[in-house]
Amino acid sequence: MTLEIVSPEAKLYSGQVTSVTVPGIDGEFQMLNHHAAIVSILAKGTIKVEAKIFAATKEGESKFILGADRKHHLAIESGTLEMNDNKIIILVD
């Protein structure tokens, strides 16, 4: 599936992923390939990206931290998410 993460300043990530875990307002949830369409508001927390080839943009490289779980973590204050047709777009603050 395809993931794009965009902040007000720049696009932080654009590439193929195997899973994405996000901090929803009712708790953390994960999206895998062919997840049902969803729109959600995100709370303060961490986005966790799992990808065979990690594709952070030049602007986003310094914002991600590789965790002990081998996923790339991005701390956010809030955001919105839309997943449709196997493409995830996340707008973060």
C-alpha atoms as a PDB file:
ATOM      1  CA  MET A   1       0.000   0.000   0.000  1.00  0.00           C
ATOM      2  CA  THR A   2       1.085   3.594  -0.517  1.00  0.00           C
ATOM      3  CA  LEU A   3       1.661   6.086   2.298  1.00  0.00           C
ATOM      4  CA  GLU A   4       2.056   9.859   2.166  1.00  0.00           C
ATOM      5  CA  ILE A   5       2.698  11.895   5.308  1.00  0.00           C
ATOM      6  CA  VAL A   6       2.478  15.659   4.889  1.00  0.00           C
ATOM      7  CA  SER A   7       3.141  18.458   7.415  1.00  0.00           C
ATOM      8  CA  PRO A   8       2.418  22.172   6.890  1.00  0.00           C
ATOM      9  CA  GLU A   9       6.107  22.637   6.037  1.00  0.00           C
ATOM     10  CA  ALA A  10       6.801  19.687   3.696  1.00  0.00           C
ATOM     11  CA  LYS A  11       6.037  16.152   2.573  1.00  0.00           C
ATOM     12  CA  LEU A  12       7.741  13.864   5.113  1.00  0.00           C
ATOM     13  CA  TYR A  13       7.180  10.435   3.580  1.00  0.00           C
ATOM     14  CA  SER A  14       6.066   9.040   0.237  1.00  0.00           C
ATOM     15  CA  GLY A  15       6.401   5.357  -0.563  1.00  0.00           C
ATOM     16  CA  GLN A  16       5.233   1.770  -0.230  1.00  0.00           C
ATOM     17  CA  VAL A  17       4.663   0.344   3.263  1.00  0.00           C
ATOM     18  CA  THR A  18       3.616  -2.970   4.780  1.00  0.00           C
ATOM     19  CA  SER A  19       1.868  -1.506   7.852  1.00  0.00           C
ATOM     20  CA  VAL A  20       1.105   1.811   9.536  1.00  0.00           C
ATOM     21  CA  THR A  21       0.115   2.240  13.182  1.00  0.00           C
ATOM     22  CA  VAL A  22      -1.394   5.571  14.244  1.00  0.00           C
ATOM     23  CA  PRO A  23      -2.634   7.212  17.479  1.00  0.00           C
ATOM     24  CA  GLY A  24      -6.384   7.555  16.925  1.00  0.00           C
ATOM     25  CA  ILE A  25      -8.439   9.637  19.330  1.00  0.00           C
ATOM     26  CA  ASP A  26      -9.993   6.423  20.696  1.00  0.00           C
ATOM     27  CA  GLY A  27      -6.692   4.544  20.802  1.00  0.00           C
ATOM     28  CA  GLU A  28      -3.932   3.237  18.610  1.00  0.00           C
ATOM     29  CA  PHE A  29      -4.860   1.270  15.486  1.00  0.00           C
ATOM     30  CA  GLN A  30      -3.007  -0.392  12.629  1.00  0.00           C
ATOM     31  CA  MET A  31      -3.683  -0.501   8.890  1.00  0.00           C
ATOM     32  CA  LEU A  32      -2.461  -3.316   6.676  1.00  0.00           C
ATOM     33  CA  ASN A  33      -2.701  -3.938   2.943  1.00  0.00           C
ATOM     34  CA  HIS A  34      -6.297  -3.628   1.609  1.00  0.00           C
ATOM     35  CA  HIS A  35      -7.670  -2.153   4.863  1.00  0.00           C
ATOM     36  CA  ALA A  36     -11.237  -0.877   4.631  1.00  0.00           C
ATOM     37  CA  ALA A  37     -11.678   2.775   3.696  1.00  0.00           C
ATOM     38  CA  ILE A  38     -11.373   5.022   6.756  1.00  0.00           C
ATOM     39  CA  VAL A  39     -11.156   8.674   7.768  1.00  0.00           C
ATOM     40  CA  SER A  40      -9.876   9.446  11.272  1.00  0.00           C
ATOM     41  CA  ILE A  41      -8.654  12.244  13.504  1.00  0.00           C
ATOM     42  CA  LEU A  42      -5.285  11.541  15.113  1.00  0.00           C
ATOM     43  CA  ALA A  43      -4.250  12.405  18.657  1.00  0.00           C
ATOM     44  CA  LYS A  44      -0.846  13.292  20.069  1.00  0.00           C
ATOM     45  CA  GLY A  45       1.374  10.242  19.811  1.00  0.00           C
ATOM     46  CA  THR A  46       3.543   8.292  17.407  1.00  0.00           C
ATOM     47  CA  ILE A  47       3.011   7.089  13.853  1.00  0.00           C
ATOM     48  CA  LYS A  48       4.844   3.789  13.284  1.00  0.00           C
ATOM     49  CA  VAL A  49       5.767   2.900   9.720  1.00  0.00           C
ATOM     50  CA  GLU A  50       6.912  -0.555   8.617  1.00  0.00           C
ATOM     51  CA  ALA A  51       8.378  -0.751   5.116  1.00  0.00           C
ATOM     52  CA  LYS A  52      10.795  -2.989   3.228  1.00  0.00           C
ATOM     53  CA  ILE A  53      12.427   0.137   1.792  1.00  0.00           C
ATOM     54  CA  PHE A  54      11.955   3.223   3.992  1.00  0.00           C
ATOM     55  CA  ALA A  55      11.194   6.267   1.818  1.00  0.00           C
ATOM     56  CA  ALA A  56      11.312   9.385   3.983  1.00  0.00           C
ATOM     57  CA  THR A  57      11.824  12.561   2.006  1.00  0.00           C
ATOM     58  CA  LYS A  58      14.880  14.752   2.501  1.00  0.00           C
ATOM     59  CA  GLU A  59      12.775  17.018   4.732  1.00  0.00           C
ATOM     60  CA  GLY A  60      11.435  14.068   6.732  1.00  0.00           C
ATOM     61  CA  GLU A  61      14.606  12.040   7.323  1.00  0.00           C
ATOM     62  CA  SER A  62      15.503  13.791  10.581  1.00  0.00           C
ATOM     63  CA  LYS A  63      11.967  13.500  12.000  1.00  0.00           C
ATOM     64  CA  PHE A  64      11.785   9.686  12.028  1.00  0.00           C
ATOM     65  CA  ILE A  65      13.457   7.475  14.640  1.00  0.00           C
ATOM     66  CA  LEU A  66      14.094   3.762  14.110  1.00  0.00           C
ATOM     67  CA  GLY A  67      12.558   1.959  17.074  1.00  0.00           C
ATOM     68  CA  ALA A  68      13.542  -1.315  18.740  1.00  0.00           C
ATOM     69  CA  ASP A  69      10.526  -2.844  16.941  1.00  0.00           C
ATOM     70  CA  ARG A  70      12.318  -2.113  13.602  1.00  0.00           C
ATOM     71  CA  LYS A  71       9.575   0.377  12.667  1.00  0.00           C
ATOM     72  CA  HIS A  72      10.214   4.041  11.923  1.00  0.00           C
ATOM     73  CA  HIS A  73       8.526   6.305  14.483  1.00  0.00           C
ATOM     74  CA  LEU A  74       7.273   9.844  13.881  1.00  0.00           C
ATOM     75  CA  ALA A  75       6.036  11.910  16.853  1.00  0.00           C
ATOM     76  CA  ILE A  76       2.980  14.073  16.095  1.00  0.00           C
ATOM     77  CA  GLU A  77       0.837  16.555  18.007  1.00  0.00           C
ATOM     78  CA  SER A  78      -2.332  15.847  15.981  1.00  0.00           C
ATOM     79  CA  GLY A  79      -3.472  15.057  12.478  1.00  0.00           C
ATOM     80  CA  THR A  80      -6.009  13.582  10.122  1.00  0.00           C
ATOM     81  CA  LEU A  81      -5.879  10.384   8.118  1.00  0.00           C
ATOM     82  CA  GLU A  82      -7.669   9.046   5.064  1.00  0.00           C
ATOM     83  CA  MET A  83      -7.251   5.568   3.627  1.00  0.00           C
ATOM     84  CA  ASN A  84      -8.960   4.643   0.390  1.00  0.00           C
ATOM     85  CA  ASP A  85      -8.047   2.281  -2.464  1.00  0.00           C
ATOM     86  CA  ASN A  86      -4.925   1.075  -0.621  1.00  0.00           C
ATOM     87  CA  LYS A  87      -3.515   4.603  -0.311  1.00  0.00           C
ATOM     88  CA  ILE A  88      -3.043   6.346   3.039  1.00  0.00           C
ATOM     89  CA  ILE A  89      -2.701  10.113   3.296  1.00  0.00           C
ATOM     90  CA  ILE A  90      -1.839  11.551   6.695  1.00  0.00           C
ATOM     91  CA  LEU A  91      -1.775  15.291   7.419  1.00  0.00           C
ATOM     92  CA  VAL A  92       0.170  16.000  10.620  1.00  0.00           C
ATOM     93  CA  ASP A  93       0.842  18.972  12.881  1.00  0.00           C
END
